Amino acid sequence: MIAPVRTWLPLAIWTTLILLTSSDLFSSSHSGSILALLLCRILSPAHVETINFIFRKTMHLTGYAIEGALGFRAARGHRSGFALRWAIAGVAIAVAVASIDEWHQTFVPSRGGSPQDVLLDGCGAVLAQLFFAARNLRK
């Protein structure tokens, strides 16, 4: 009973954190205004907007790479190594969470759901699986 909690709990916690960031507080306008305060004296508003866009997309990729890695770890359980089914489970979990996240954002006035973000999130999850596969090949 301890092993499932040890492997699935981190995934549940990370998923919760991802879904909590679907709120207005984490909208592009809020992150953009923070970056503008920090960078307005040295960069133009257009440059700040570009940095905000890159930052937000990098966070999508990173956050869902972590989601995919934790999904892989949860599916693997107490076993070691690499199996394609665990990798597929990691990606499927991440894409499901990304879909729910983007769907939820369609109901938040300052946010917007984006199929492109789901695709980007899925790419992050795939990158995590490639990491696990490459790591397994080196052993």
Protein backbone atom coordinates (compact mmCIF):
# COMPACT_ATOMS: atom_id res chain seq x y z
CA MET A 1 0.00 0.00 0.00
CA ILE A 2 2.89 2.40 0.66
CA ALA A 3 4.36 2.03 -2.86
CA PRO A 4 1.25 3.35 -4.69
CA VAL A 5 1.08 6.38 -2.40
CA ARG A 6 4.79 7.02 -2.82
CA THR A 7 4.54 6.90 -6.61
CA TRP A 8 1.10 8.46 -7.27
CA LEU A 9 1.06 11.20 -4.61
CA PRO A 10 3.73 13.40 -6.26
CA LEU A 11 1.77 13.18 -9.53
CA ALA A 12 -1.45 14.16 -7.75
CA ILE A 13 0.25 17.11 -6.04
CA TRP A 14 1.87 18.35 -9.29
CA THR A 15 -1.43 17.96 -11.18
CA THR A 16 -3.16 20.01 -8.51
CA LEU A 17 -0.53 22.75 -8.81
CA ILE A 18 -0.93 22.83 -12.59
CA LEU A 19 -4.71 23.08 -12.34
CA LEU A 20 -4.46 25.84 -9.72
CA THR A 21 -2.46 27.93 -12.18
CA SER A 22 -5.48 28.04 -14.52
CA SER A 23 -6.79 30.98 -12.55
CA ASP A 24 -6.80 34.68 -13.38
CA LEU A 25 -3.79 35.20 -11.09
CA PHE A 26 -1.59 33.29 -13.56
CA SER A 27 -2.93 34.96 -16.72
CA SER A 28 -0.66 36.40 -19.38
CA SER A 29 -1.60 39.94 -18.38
CA HIS A 30 -0.44 39.34 -14.81
CA SER A 31 2.87 37.73 -15.75
CA GLY A 32 3.33 40.42 -18.41
CA SER A 33 2.76 43.22 -15.93
CA ILE A 34 5.34 41.75 -13.55
CA LEU A 35 7.87 41.44 -16.35
CA ALA A 36 7.06 44.97 -17.50
CA LEU A 37 7.80 46.32 -14.03
CA LEU A 38 11.11 44.51 -13.98
CA LEU A 39 12.21 45.23 -17.54
CA CYS A 40 10.47 48.46 -18.62
CA ARG A 41 13.56 50.61 -18.18
CA ILE A 42 15.75 48.50 -20.43
CA LEU A 43 13.35 46.94 -22.97
CA SER A 44 10.51 48.15 -25.14
CA PRO A 45 6.96 46.96 -24.45
CA ALA A 46 7.15 44.76 -27.57
CA HIS A 47 10.28 43.06 -26.25
CA VAL A 48 8.69 42.52 -22.85
CA GLU A 49 5.66 40.99 -24.57
CA THR A 50 7.92 38.63 -26.52
CA ILE A 51 9.78 37.61 -23.36
CA ASN A 52 6.44 37.02 -21.60
CA PHE A 53 5.29 34.79 -24.47
CA ILE A 54 8.53 32.77 -24.48
CA PHE A 55 8.49 32.50 -20.68
CA ARG A 56 4.91 31.24 -20.60
CA LYS A 57 5.47 28.67 -23.37
CA THR A 58 8.67 27.47 -21.67
CA MET A 59 6.68 27.01 -18.47
CA HIS A 60 4.13 24.92 -20.38
CA LEU A 61 6.87 22.72 -21.78
CA THR A 62 8.65 22.38 -18.43
CA GLY A 63 5.55 21.89 -16.30
CA TYR A 64 4.21 19.15 -18.51
CA ALA A 65 7.61 17.49 -18.86
CA ILE A 66 7.47 17.17 -15.07
CA GLU A 67 3.86 15.95 -15.30
CA GLY A 68 4.90 13.35 -17.89
CA ALA A 69 7.88 12.26 -15.80
CA LEU A 70 5.73 11.88 -12.70
CA GLY A 71 3.12 10.00 -14.75
CA PHE A 72 5.83 7.63 -15.99
CA ARG A 73 7.08 7.13 -12.43
CA ALA A 74 3.57 6.46 -11.15
CA ALA A 75 2.83 3.96 -13.93
CA ARG A 76 6.18 2.24 -13.35
CA GLY A 77 5.45 1.85 -9.64
CA HIS A 78 8.14 0.00 -7.73
CA ARG A 79 9.70 -1.46 -10.90
CA SER A 80 12.82 -0.09 -12.55
CA GLY A 81 13.95 0.45 -16.12
CA PHE A 82 11.89 1.61 -19.06
CA ALA A 83 8.80 0.19 -20.71
CA LEU A 84 6.89 1.78 -23.56
CA ARG A 85 3.58 1.30 -21.75
CA TRP A 86 4.82 3.42 -18.84
CA ALA A 87 5.94 6.13 -21.27
CA ILE A 88 2.58 6.06 -23.05
CA ALA A 89 0.83 6.31 -19.69
CA GLY A 90 2.97 9.32 -18.75
CA VAL A 91 2.13 11.13 -21.98
CA ALA A 92 -1.57 10.18 -21.79
CA ILE A 93 -1.84 11.48 -18.24
CA ALA A 94 -0.12 14.75 -19.17
CA VAL A 95 -2.29 15.28 -22.25
CA ALA A 96 -5.45 14.52 -20.25
CA VAL A 97 -4.46 17.07 -17.59
CA ALA A 98 -3.49 19.60 -20.29
CA SER A 99 -6.87 19.14 -21.99
CA ILE A 100 -8.74 19.63 -18.72
CA ASP A 101 -6.58 22.65 -17.90
CA GLU A 102 -7.15 24.33 -21.26
CA TRP A 103 -10.87 23.52 -21.19
CA HIS A 104 -11.13 25.10 -17.72
CA GLN A 105 -9.37 28.23 -18.99
CA THR A 106 -12.19 28.79 -21.49
CA PHE A 107 -14.39 29.66 -18.49
CA VAL A 108 -11.91 32.16 -16.96
CA PRO A 109 -12.48 35.63 -18.50
CA SER A 110 -8.79 36.60 -18.47
CA ARG A 111 -7.67 33.25 -19.90
CA GLY A 112 -8.26 31.31 -23.07
CA GLY A 113 -8.09 27.62 -23.85
CA SER A 114 -5.71 26.67 -26.63
CA PRO A 115 -5.33 23.39 -28.52
CA GLN A 116 -1.81 24.56 -29.39
CA ASP A 117 -0.97 24.65 -25.69
CA VAL A 118 -2.24 21.06 -25.30
CA LEU A 119 0.09 20.08 -28.15
CA LEU A 120 3.00 21.94 -26.54
CA ASP A 121 2.22 20.27 -23.19
CA GLY A 122 2.18 16.87 -24.89
CA CYS A 123 5.59 17.65 -26.40
CA GLY A 124 6.91 18.38 -22.92
CA ALA A 125 5.61 15.02 -21.72
CA VAL A 126 7.21 13.26 -24.71
CA LEU A 127 10.54 14.94 -23.93
CA ALA A 128 10.41 13.48 -20.43
CA GLN A 129 9.80 10.01 -21.89
CA LEU A 130 12.74 10.43 -24.26
CA PHE A 131 14.88 11.30 -21.26
CA PHE A 132 13.83 8.10 -19.48
CA ALA A 133 14.38 6.02 -22.61
CA ALA A 134 17.85 7.51 -23.21
CA ARG A 135 18.77 7.03 -19.58
CA ASN A 136 17.73 3.39 -19.79
CA LEU A 137 19.86 2.87 -22.94
CA ARG A 138 22.98 4.06 -21.12
CA LYS A 139 22.61 1.41 -18.43
